Amino acid sequence: MDNIPNYSKSQLALRNGQDKPEIWVSYKGLIYDVTKSRLWRDGKHYEHWAGQDLTEELKSAPHSEAAFERFEVIGKLI
């Protein structure tokens, strides 16, 4: 995990499935690539939007943080 790049909130925001083809989300300081997930089509997943930190939003989600284990960590949010 030490060798992964750092990204700012504005860099993360561009990976929202609209501005760039990548779909990324952040959770607890790590950035995950959810581009291949059918649940994140067009950068949205139910009431959640890609390109942002979902740490606080996960508290009201019907699943646990284990849902992120399926996705590749591609960076750290700085």
PDB file of N, CA and C in Angstrom:
ATOM      1  N   MET A   1       0.816  -1.203   0.000  1.00  0.00           N
ATOM      2  CA  MET A   1       0.000   0.000   0.000  1.00  0.00           C
ATOM      3  C   MET A   1       0.855   1.261   0.000  1.00  0.00           C
ATOM      4  N   ASP A   2       2.119   1.147   0.347  1.00  0.00           N
ATOM      5  CA  ASP A   2       2.972   2.331   0.401  1.00  0.00           C
ATOM      6  C   ASP A   2       3.315   2.870  -0.986  1.00  0.00           C
ATOM      7  N   ASN A   3       3.220   2.032  -2.002  1.00  0.00           N
ATOM      8  CA  ASN A   3       3.625   2.428  -3.343  1.00  0.00           C
ATOM      9  C   ASN A   3       2.479   2.948  -4.203  1.00  0.00           C
ATOM     10  N   ILE A   4       1.297   3.118  -3.637  1.00  0.00           N
ATOM     11  CA  ILE A   4       0.178   3.613  -4.434  1.00  0.00           C
ATOM     12  C   ILE A   4       0.197   5.142  -4.454  1.00  0.00           C
ATOM     13  N   PRO A   5      -0.253   5.737  -5.551  1.00  0.00           N
ATOM     14  CA  PRO A   5      -0.207   7.195  -5.666  1.00  0.00           C
ATOM     15  C   PRO A   5      -1.226   7.906  -4.782  1.00  0.00           C
ATOM     16  N   ASN A   6      -0.950   9.168  -4.523  1.00  0.00           N
ATOM     17  CA  ASN A   6      -1.865  10.035  -3.786  1.00  0.00           C
ATOM     18  C   ASN A   6      -2.696  10.836  -4.776  1.00  0.00           C
ATOM     19  N   TYR A   7      -3.953  11.066  -4.430  1.00  0.00           N
ATOM     20  CA  TYR A   7      -4.848  11.876  -5.254  1.00  0.00           C
ATOM     21  C   TYR A   7      -5.577  12.870  -4.357  1.00  0.00           C
ATOM     22  N   SER A   8      -5.809  14.045  -4.891  1.00  0.00           N
ATOM     23  CA  SER A   8      -6.553  15.070  -4.161  1.00  0.00           C
ATOM     24  C   SER A   8      -8.058  14.841  -4.336  1.00  0.00           C
ATOM     25  N   LYS A   9      -8.862  15.555  -3.556  1.00  0.00           N
ATOM     26  CA  LYS A   9     -10.312  15.459  -3.695  1.00  0.00           C
ATOM     27  C   LYS A   9     -10.762  15.918  -5.079  1.00  0.00           C
ATOM     28  N   SER A  10     -10.079  16.906  -5.641  1.00  0.00           N
ATOM     29  CA  SER A  10     -10.466  17.372  -6.978  1.00  0.00           C
ATOM     30  C   SER A  10     -10.103  16.354  -8.052  1.00  0.00           C
ATOM     31  N   GLN A  11      -9.010  15.633  -7.884  1.00  0.00           N
ATOM     32  CA  GLN A  11      -8.664  14.564  -8.825  1.00  0.00           C
ATOM     33  C   GLN A  11      -9.658  13.414  -8.716  1.00  0.00           C
ATOM     34  N   LEU A  12     -10.053  13.084  -7.503  1.00  0.00           N
ATOM     35  CA  LEU A  12     -11.068  12.052  -7.292  1.00  0.00           C
ATOM     36  C   LEU A  12     -12.388  12.468  -7.923  1.00  0.00           C
ATOM     37  N   ALA A  13     -12.761  13.723  -7.764  1.00  0.00           N
ATOM     38  CA  ALA A  13     -14.044  14.215  -8.276  1.00  0.00           C
ATOM     39  C   ALA A  13     -14.165  14.066  -9.790  1.00  0.00           C
ATOM     40  N   LEU A  14     -13.059  14.120 -10.507  1.00  0.00           N
ATOM     41  CA  LEU A  14     -13.095  13.957 -11.966  1.00  0.00           C
ATOM     42  C   LEU A  14     -13.402  12.524 -12.390  1.00  0.00           C
ATOM     43  N   ARG A  15     -13.196  11.574 -11.501  1.00  0.00           N
ATOM     44  CA  ARG A  15     -13.440  10.160 -11.822  1.00  0.00           C
ATOM     45  C   ARG A  15     -14.844   9.775 -11.353  1.00  0.00           C
ATOM     46  N   ASN A  16     -15.815  10.494 -11.874  1.00  0.00           N
ATOM     47  CA  ASN A  16     -17.204  10.321 -11.442  1.00  0.00           C
ATOM     48  C   ASN A  16     -18.068   9.592 -12.459  1.00  0.00           C
ATOM     49  N   GLY A  17     -17.444   9.069 -13.522  1.00  0.00           N
ATOM     50  CA  GLY A  17     -18.196   8.373 -14.557  1.00  0.00           C
ATOM     51  C   GLY A  17     -18.803   9.303 -15.583  1.00  0.00           C
ATOM     52  N   GLN A  18     -18.625  10.590 -15.416  1.00  0.00           N
ATOM     53  CA  GLN A  18     -19.152  11.589 -16.344  1.00  0.00           C
ATOM     54  C   GLN A  18     -18.009  12.367 -17.007  1.00  0.00           C
ATOM     55  N   ASP A  19     -17.124  12.936 -16.200  1.00  0.00           N
ATOM     56  CA  ASP A  19     -16.034  13.765 -16.718  1.00  0.00           C
ATOM     57  C   ASP A  19     -14.898  12.944 -17.318  1.00  0.00           C
ATOM     58  N   LYS A  20     -14.640  11.804 -16.761  1.00  0.00           N
ATOM     59  CA  LYS A  20     -13.628  10.864 -17.253  1.00  0.00           C
ATOM     60  C   LYS A  20     -14.254   9.471 -17.218  1.00  0.00           C
ATOM     61  N   PRO A  21     -13.726   8.534 -17.984  1.00  0.00           N
ATOM     62  CA  PRO A  21     -14.353   7.203 -18.019  1.00  0.00           C
ATOM     63  C   PRO A  21     -14.180   6.386 -16.735  1.00  0.00           C
ATOM     64  N   GLU A  22     -13.192   6.732 -15.919  1.00  0.00           N
ATOM     65  CA  GLU A  22     -12.979   5.986 -14.673  1.00  0.00           C
ATOM     66  C   GLU A  22     -14.062   6.342 -13.658  1.00  0.00           C
ATOM     67  N   ILE A  23     -14.405   5.338 -12.839  1.00  0.00           N
ATOM     68  CA  ILE A  23     -15.358   5.552 -11.755  1.00  0.00           C
ATOM     69  C   ILE A  23     -14.661   5.147 -10.467  1.00  0.00           C
ATOM     70  N   TRP A  24     -14.341   6.151  -9.643  1.00  0.00           N
ATOM     71  CA  TRP A  24     -13.625   5.934  -8.400  1.00  0.00           C
ATOM     72  C   TRP A  24     -14.448   6.435  -7.225  1.00  0.00           C
ATOM     73  N   VAL A  25     -14.253   5.785  -6.092  1.00  0.00           N
ATOM     74  CA  VAL A  25     -14.817   6.254  -4.824  1.00  0.00           C
ATOM     75  C   VAL A  25     -13.745   6.102  -3.755  1.00  0.00           C
ATOM     76  N   SER A  26     -13.902   6.851  -2.693  1.00  0.00           N
ATOM     77  CA  SER A  26     -12.960   6.776  -1.592  1.00  0.00           C
ATOM     78  C   SER A  26     -13.687   6.301  -0.336  1.00  0.00           C
ATOM     79  N   TYR A  27     -12.960   5.538   0.471  1.00  0.00           N
ATOM     80  CA  TYR A  27     -13.479   5.091   1.759  1.00  0.00           C
ATOM     81  C   TYR A  27     -12.309   4.985   2.731  1.00  0.00           C
ATOM     82  N   LYS A  28     -12.413   5.679   3.843  1.00  0.00           N
ATOM     83  CA  LYS A  28     -11.377   5.687   4.883  1.00  0.00           C
ATOM     84  C   LYS A  28      -9.981   5.976   4.325  1.00  0.00           C
ATOM     85  N   GLY A  29      -9.907   6.962   3.438  1.00  0.00           N
ATOM     86  CA  GLY A  29      -8.620   7.412   2.928  1.00  0.00           C
ATOM     87  C   GLY A  29      -8.065   6.643   1.751  1.00  0.00           C
ATOM     88  N   LEU A  30      -8.711   5.563   1.349  1.00  0.00           N
ATOM     89  CA  LEU A  30      -8.258   4.792   0.199  1.00  0.00           C
ATOM     90  C   LEU A  30      -9.210   5.019  -0.971  1.00  0.00           C
ATOM     91  N   ILE A  31      -8.673   5.008  -2.173  1.00  0.00           N
ATOM     92  CA  ILE A  31      -9.476   5.198  -3.373  1.00  0.00           C
ATOM     93  C   ILE A  31      -9.604   3.858  -4.089  1.00  0.00           C
ATOM     94  N   TYR A  32     -10.846   3.536  -4.426  1.00  0.00           N
ATOM     95  CA  TYR A  32     -11.168   2.266  -5.082  1.00  0.00           C
ATOM     96  C   TYR A  32     -11.669   2.521  -6.495  1.00  0.00           C
ATOM     97  N   ASP A  33     -11.261   1.660  -7.422  1.00  0.00           N
ATOM     98  CA  ASP A  33     -11.746   1.731  -8.799  1.00  0.00           C
ATOM     99  C   ASP A  33     -12.964   0.812  -8.908  1.00  0.00           C
ATOM    100  N   VAL A  34     -14.139   1.407  -9.101  1.00  0.00           N
ATOM    101  CA  VAL A  34     -15.387   0.638  -9.204  1.00  0.00           C
ATOM    102  C   VAL A  34     -15.922   0.659 -10.641  1.00  0.00           C
ATOM    103  N   THR A  35     -15.060   1.021 -11.600  1.00  0.00           N
ATOM    104  CA  THR A  35     -15.452   1.161 -12.998  1.00  0.00           C
ATOM    105  C   THR A  35     -16.141  -0.089 -13.541  1.00  0.00           C
ATOM    106  N   LYS A  36     -15.656  -1.259 -13.218  1.00  0.00           N
ATOM    107  CA  LYS A  36     -16.191  -2.502 -13.785  1.00  0.00           C
ATOM    108  C   LYS A  36     -17.447  -3.010 -13.090  1.00  0.00           C
ATOM    109  N   SER A  37     -17.831  -2.378 -12.009  1.00  0.00           N
ATOM    110  CA  SER A  37     -19.001  -2.839 -11.261  1.00  0.00           C
ATOM    111  C   SER A  37     -20.293  -2.420 -11.966  1.00  0.00           C
ATOM    112  N   ARG A  38     -21.178  -3.365 -12.177  1.00  0.00           N
ATOM    113  CA  ARG A  38     -22.473  -3.045 -12.788  1.00  0.00           C
ATOM    114  C   ARG A  38     -23.319  -2.193 -11.851  1.00  0.00           C
ATOM    115  N   LEU A  39     -22.985  -2.178 -10.573  1.00  0.00           N
ATOM    116  CA  LEU A  39     -23.731  -1.386  -9.601  1.00  0.00           C
ATOM    117  C   LEU A  39     -23.354   0.092  -9.614  1.00  0.00           C
ATOM    118  N   TRP A  40     -22.302   0.445 -10.342  1.00  0.00           N
ATOM    119  CA  TRP A  40     -21.855   1.836 -10.407  1.00  0.00           C
ATOM    120  C   TRP A  40     -21.956   2.396 -11.824  1.00  0.00           C
ATOM    121  N   ARG A  41     -22.878   1.913 -12.612  1.00  0.00           N
ATOM    122  CA  ARG A  41     -23.067   2.419 -13.976  1.00  0.00           C
ATOM    123  C   ARG A  41     -23.315   3.925 -13.952  1.00  0.00           C
ATOM    124  N   ASP A  42     -22.693   4.625 -14.873  1.00  0.00           N
ATOM    125  CA  ASP A  42     -22.834   6.076 -15.005  1.00  0.00           C
ATOM    126  C   ASP A  42     -22.422   6.843 -13.750  1.00  0.00           C
ATOM    127  N   GLY A  43     -21.672   6.210 -12.855  1.00  0.00           N
ATOM    128  CA  GLY A  43     -21.142   6.906 -11.693  1.00  0.00           C
ATOM    129  C   GLY A  43     -22.091   7.076 -10.535  1.00  0.00           C
ATOM    130  N   LYS A  44     -23.171   6.319 -10.529  1.00  0.00           N
ATOM    131  CA  LYS A  44     -24.068   6.391  -9.374  1.00  0.00           C
ATOM    132  C   LYS A  44     -24.471   4.995  -8.910  1.00  0.00           C
ATOM    133  N   HIS A  45     -24.698   4.892  -7.622  1.00  0.00           N
ATOM    134  CA  HIS A  45     -25.072   3.634  -6.984  1.00  0.00           C
ATOM    135  C   HIS A  45     -26.151   3.978  -5.961  1.00  0.00           C
ATOM    136  N   TYR A  46     -27.384   3.737  -6.357  1.00  0.00           N
ATOM    137  CA  TYR A  46     -28.543   4.160  -5.566  1.00  0.00           C
ATOM    138  C   TYR A  46     -28.435   5.663  -5.318  1.00  0.00           C
ATOM    139  N   GLU A  47     -28.376   6.115  -4.088  1.00  0.00           N
ATOM    140  CA  GLU A  47     -28.296   7.562  -3.841  1.00  0.00           C
ATOM    141  C   GLU A  47     -26.856   8.051  -3.673  1.00  0.00           C
ATOM    142  N   HIS A  48     -25.889   7.217  -3.976  1.00  0.00           N
ATOM    143  CA  HIS A  48     -24.479   7.580  -3.839  1.00  0.00           C
ATOM    144  C   HIS A  48     -23.893   7.941  -5.203  1.00  0.00           C
ATOM    145  N   TRP A  49     -22.954   8.884  -5.195  1.00  0.00           N
ATOM    146  CA  TRP A  49     -22.316   9.348  -6.418  1.00  0.00           C
ATOM    147  C   TRP A  49     -20.828   9.063  -6.366  1.00  0.00           C
ATOM    148  N   ALA A  50     -20.277   8.663  -7.490  1.00  0.00           N
ATOM    149  CA  ALA A  50     -18.840   8.409  -7.598  1.00  0.00           C
ATOM    150  C   ALA A  50     -18.077   9.721  -7.591  1.00  0.00           C
ATOM    151  N   GLY A  51     -16.772   9.601  -7.430  1.00  0.00           N
ATOM    152  CA  GLY A  51     -15.916  10.777  -7.434  1.00  0.00           C
ATOM    153  C   GLY A  51     -15.868  11.479  -6.094  1.00  0.00           C
ATOM    154  N   GLN A  52     -16.272  10.787  -5.043  1.00  0.00           N
ATOM    155  CA  GLN A  52     -16.265  11.415  -3.721  1.00  0.00           C
ATOM    156  C   GLN A  52     -15.938  10.409  -2.623  1.00  0.00           C
ATOM    157  N   ASP A  53     -15.710  10.935  -1.448  1.00  0.00           N
ATOM    158  CA  ASP A  53     -15.426  10.120  -0.267  1.00  0.00           C
ATOM    159  C   ASP A  53     -16.750   9.630   0.316  1.00  0.00           C
ATOM    160  N   LEU A  54     -16.899   8.323   0.418  1.00  0.00           N
ATOM    161  CA  LEU A  54     -18.147   7.722   0.906  1.00  0.00           C
ATOM    162  C   LEU A  54     -18.052   7.243   2.350  1.00  0.00           C
ATOM    163  N   THR A  55     -17.026   7.645   3.069  1.00  0.00           N
ATOM    164  CA  THR A  55     -16.820   7.169   4.440  1.00  0.00           C
ATOM    165  C   THR A  55     -18.039   7.423   5.316  1.00  0.00           C
ATOM    166  N   GLU A  56     -18.552   8.626   5.324  1.00  0.00           N
ATOM    167  CA  GLU A  56     -19.714   8.944   6.168  1.00  0.00           C
ATOM    168  C   GLU A  56     -20.994   8.309   5.628  1.00  0.00           C
ATOM    169  N   GLU A  57     -21.122   8.231   4.316  1.00  0.00           N
ATOM    170  CA  GLU A  57     -22.328   7.678   3.715  1.00  0.00           C
ATOM    171  C   GLU A  57     -22.490   6.185   3.983  1.00  0.00           C
ATOM    172  N   LEU A  58     -21.382   5.485   4.189  1.00  0.00           N
ATOM    173  CA  LEU A  58     -21.475   4.043   4.407  1.00  0.00           C
ATOM    174  C   LEU A  58     -22.231   3.715   5.690  1.00  0.00           C
ATOM    175  N   LYS A  59     -22.260   4.635   6.622  1.00  0.00           N
ATOM    176  CA  LYS A  59     -22.957   4.389   7.892  1.00  0.00           C
ATOM    177  C   LYS A  59     -24.437   4.088   7.672  1.00  0.00           C
ATOM    178  N   SER A  60     -25.029   4.639   6.613  1.00  0.00           N
ATOM    179  CA  SER A  60     -26.450   4.396   6.346  1.00  0.00           C
ATOM    180  C   SER A  60     -26.676   3.374   5.232  1.00  0.00           C
ATOM    181  N   ALA A  61     -25.615   2.756   4.739  1.00  0.00           N
ATOM    182  CA  ALA A  61     -25.736   1.764   3.661  1.00  0.00           C
ATOM    183  C   ALA A  61     -26.181   0.412   4.230  1.00  0.00           C
ATOM    184  N   PRO A  62     -26.852  -0.387   3.406  1.00  0.00           N
ATOM    185  CA  PRO A  62     -27.317  -1.694   3.870  1.00  0.00           C
ATOM    186  C   PRO A  62     -26.220  -2.768   3.876  1.00  0.00           C
ATOM    187  N   HIS A  63     -24.988  -2.384   3.583  1.00  0.00           N
ATOM    188  CA  HIS A  63     -23.880  -3.352   3.594  1.00  0.00           C
ATOM    189  C   HIS A  63     -22.725  -2.793   4.419  1.00  0.00           C
ATOM    190  N   SER A  64     -21.773  -3.631   4.693  1.00  0.00           N
ATOM    191  CA  SER A  64     -20.619  -3.223   5.505  1.00  0.00           C
ATOM    192  C   SER A  64     -19.468  -2.783   4.602  1.00  0.00           C
ATOM    193  N   GLU A  65     -18.391  -2.384   5.230  1.00  0.00           N
ATOM    194  CA  GLU A  65     -17.208  -1.981   4.480  1.00  0.00           C
ATOM    195  C   GLU A  65     -16.591  -3.145   3.713  1.00  0.00           C
ATOM    196  N   ALA A  66     -16.994  -4.356   4.019  1.00  0.00           N
ATOM    197  CA  ALA A  66     -16.492  -5.526   3.292  1.00  0.00           C
ATOM    198  C   ALA A  66     -16.826  -5.448   1.798  1.00  0.00           C
ATOM    199  N   ALA A  67     -17.816  -4.653   1.441  1.00  0.00           N
ATOM    200  CA  ALA A  67     -18.181  -4.485   0.030  1.00  0.00           C
ATOM    201  C   ALA A  67     -17.009  -3.922  -0.779  1.00  0.00           C
ATOM    202  N   PHE A  68     -16.110  -3.193  -0.139  1.00  0.00           N
ATOM    203  CA  PHE A  68     -14.970  -2.609  -0.845  1.00  0.00           C
ATOM    204  C   PHE A  68     -13.878  -3.637  -1.135  1.00  0.00           C
ATOM    205  N   GLU A  69     -13.913  -4.783  -0.488  1.00  0.00           N
ATOM    206  CA  GLU A  69     -12.877  -5.796  -0.677  1.00  0.00           C
ATOM    207  C   GLU A  69     -12.837  -6.329  -2.107  1.00  0.00           C
ATOM    208  N   ARG A  70     -13.936  -6.195  -2.837  1.00  0.00           N
ATOM    209  CA  ARG A  70     -13.999  -6.690  -4.222  1.00  0.00           C
ATOM    210  C   ARG A  70     -13.272  -5.782  -5.201  1.00  0.00           C
ATOM    211  N   PHE A  71     -12.944  -4.571  -4.774  1.00  0.00           N
ATOM    212  CA  PHE A  71     -12.396  -3.573  -5.692  1.00  0.00           C
ATOM    213  C   PHE A  71     -10.936  -3.304  -5.418  1.00  0.00           C
ATOM    214  N   GLU A  72     -10.244  -2.917  -6.479  1.00  0.00           N
ATOM    215  CA  GLU A  72      -8.821  -2.624  -6.396  1.00  0.00           C
ATOM    216  C   GLU A  72      -8.589  -1.257  -5.762  1.00  0.00           C
ATOM    217  N   VAL A  73      -7.663  -1.213  -4.817  1.00  0.00           N
ATOM    218  CA  VAL A  73      -7.224   0.062  -4.248  1.00  0.00           C
ATOM    219  C   VAL A  73      -6.236   0.653  -5.239  1.00  0.00           C
ATOM    220  N   ILE A  74      -6.520   1.865  -5.697  1.00  0.00           N
ATOM    221  CA  ILE A  74      -5.650   2.464  -6.708  1.00  0.00           C
ATOM    222  C   ILE A  74      -4.938   3.714  -6.215  1.00  0.00           C
ATOM    223  N   GLY A  75      -5.270   4.166  -5.013  1.00  0.00           N
ATOM    224  CA  GLY A  75      -4.611   5.348  -4.491  1.00  0.00           C
ATOM    225  C   GLY A  75      -5.040   5.706  -3.096  1.00  0.00           C
ATOM    226  N   LYS A  76      -4.438   6.774  -2.596  1.00  0.00           N
ATOM    227  CA  LYS A  76      -4.778   7.322  -1.284  1.00  0.00           C
ATOM    228  C   LYS A  76      -5.338   8.714  -1.488  1.00  0.00           C
ATOM    229  N   LEU A  77      -6.361   9.058  -0.724  1.00  0.00           N
ATOM    230  CA  LEU A  77      -6.941  10.387  -0.767  1.00  0.00           C
ATOM    231  C   LEU A  77      -6.169  11.297   0.166  1.00  0.00           C
ATOM    232  N   ILE A  78      -5.673  12.408  -0.368  1.00  0.00           N
ATOM    233  CA  ILE A  78      -4.904  13.351   0.472  1.00  0.00           C
ATOM    234  C   ILE A  78      -5.682  14.647   0.669  1.00  0.00           C
TER     235      ILE A  78
END
